[in-house]
Amino acid sequence: MFRFKCLLSGNLKNRRFGSQVTEAYCRAVAMNKMTFLGMPNSVLQGDSA
């Protein structure tokens, strides 16, 4: 939540509720994309025998 508020501001800019819902959805999509891009690529290493 801290990252969300710092990067995307803590309050919504739109006045109408429907627009606020859309704005919050867009912010969540943007944060999920940033989180995905920041994840390291992991490789499963198992037994080679």
Protein backbone atom coordinates (compact mmCIF):
# COMPACT_ATOMS: atom_id res chain seq x y z
CA MET A 1 0.00 0.00 0.00
CA PHE A 2 2.90 2.36 0.74
CA ARG A 3 4.31 1.85 -2.75
CA PHE A 4 0.85 2.42 -4.26
CA LYS A 5 0.42 5.72 -2.42
CA CYS A 6 3.94 6.98 -3.16
CA LEU A 7 4.01 6.17 -6.84
CA LEU A 8 0.43 6.85 -7.77
CA SER A 9 -0.63 9.44 -5.18
CA GLY A 10 -2.78 8.70 -2.17
CA ASN A 11 -6.06 10.18 -3.32
CA LEU A 12 -8.23 9.93 -6.40
CA LYS A 13 -8.48 12.90 -8.74
CA ASN A 14 -11.94 12.31 -10.24
CA ARG A 15 -15.11 13.47 -8.53
CA ARG A 16 -17.70 11.03 -9.85
CA PHE A 17 -17.79 7.57 -8.32
CA GLY A 18 -17.74 5.74 -11.65
CA SER A 19 -14.66 7.67 -12.71
CA GLN A 20 -12.99 6.95 -9.37
CA VAL A 21 -13.60 3.23 -9.87
CA THR A 22 -11.99 3.41 -13.31
CA GLU A 23 -9.05 5.41 -11.96
CA ALA A 24 -8.49 2.95 -9.10
CA TYR A 25 -8.65 0.03 -11.53
CA CYS A 26 -6.08 1.66 -13.84
CA ARG A 27 -3.78 2.33 -10.90
CA ALA A 28 -4.04 -1.27 -9.74
CA VAL A 29 -3.23 -2.53 -13.25
CA ALA A 30 -0.22 -0.20 -13.41
CA MET A 31 1.04 -1.35 -10.01
CA ASN A 32 0.61 -5.03 -10.94
CA LYS A 33 2.58 -4.46 -14.13
CA MET A 34 5.37 -2.68 -12.22
CA THR A 35 5.43 -5.53 -9.69
CA PHE A 36 5.62 -8.11 -12.48
CA LEU A 37 8.46 -6.26 -14.22
CA GLY A 38 10.40 -6.07 -10.96
CA MET A 39 10.23 -9.80 -10.24
CA PRO A 40 13.41 -11.76 -10.90
CA ASN A 41 13.32 -14.60 -13.40
CA SER A 42 13.46 -17.81 -11.42
CA VAL A 43 14.62 -21.17 -12.72
CA LEU A 44 13.70 -24.47 -11.14
CA GLN A 45 16.82 -26.47 -10.39
CA GLY A 46 16.16 -30.08 -9.63
CA ASP A 47 18.17 -33.26 -9.39
CA SER A 48 19.99 -33.98 -12.64
CA ALA A 49 20.35 -37.69 -11.81
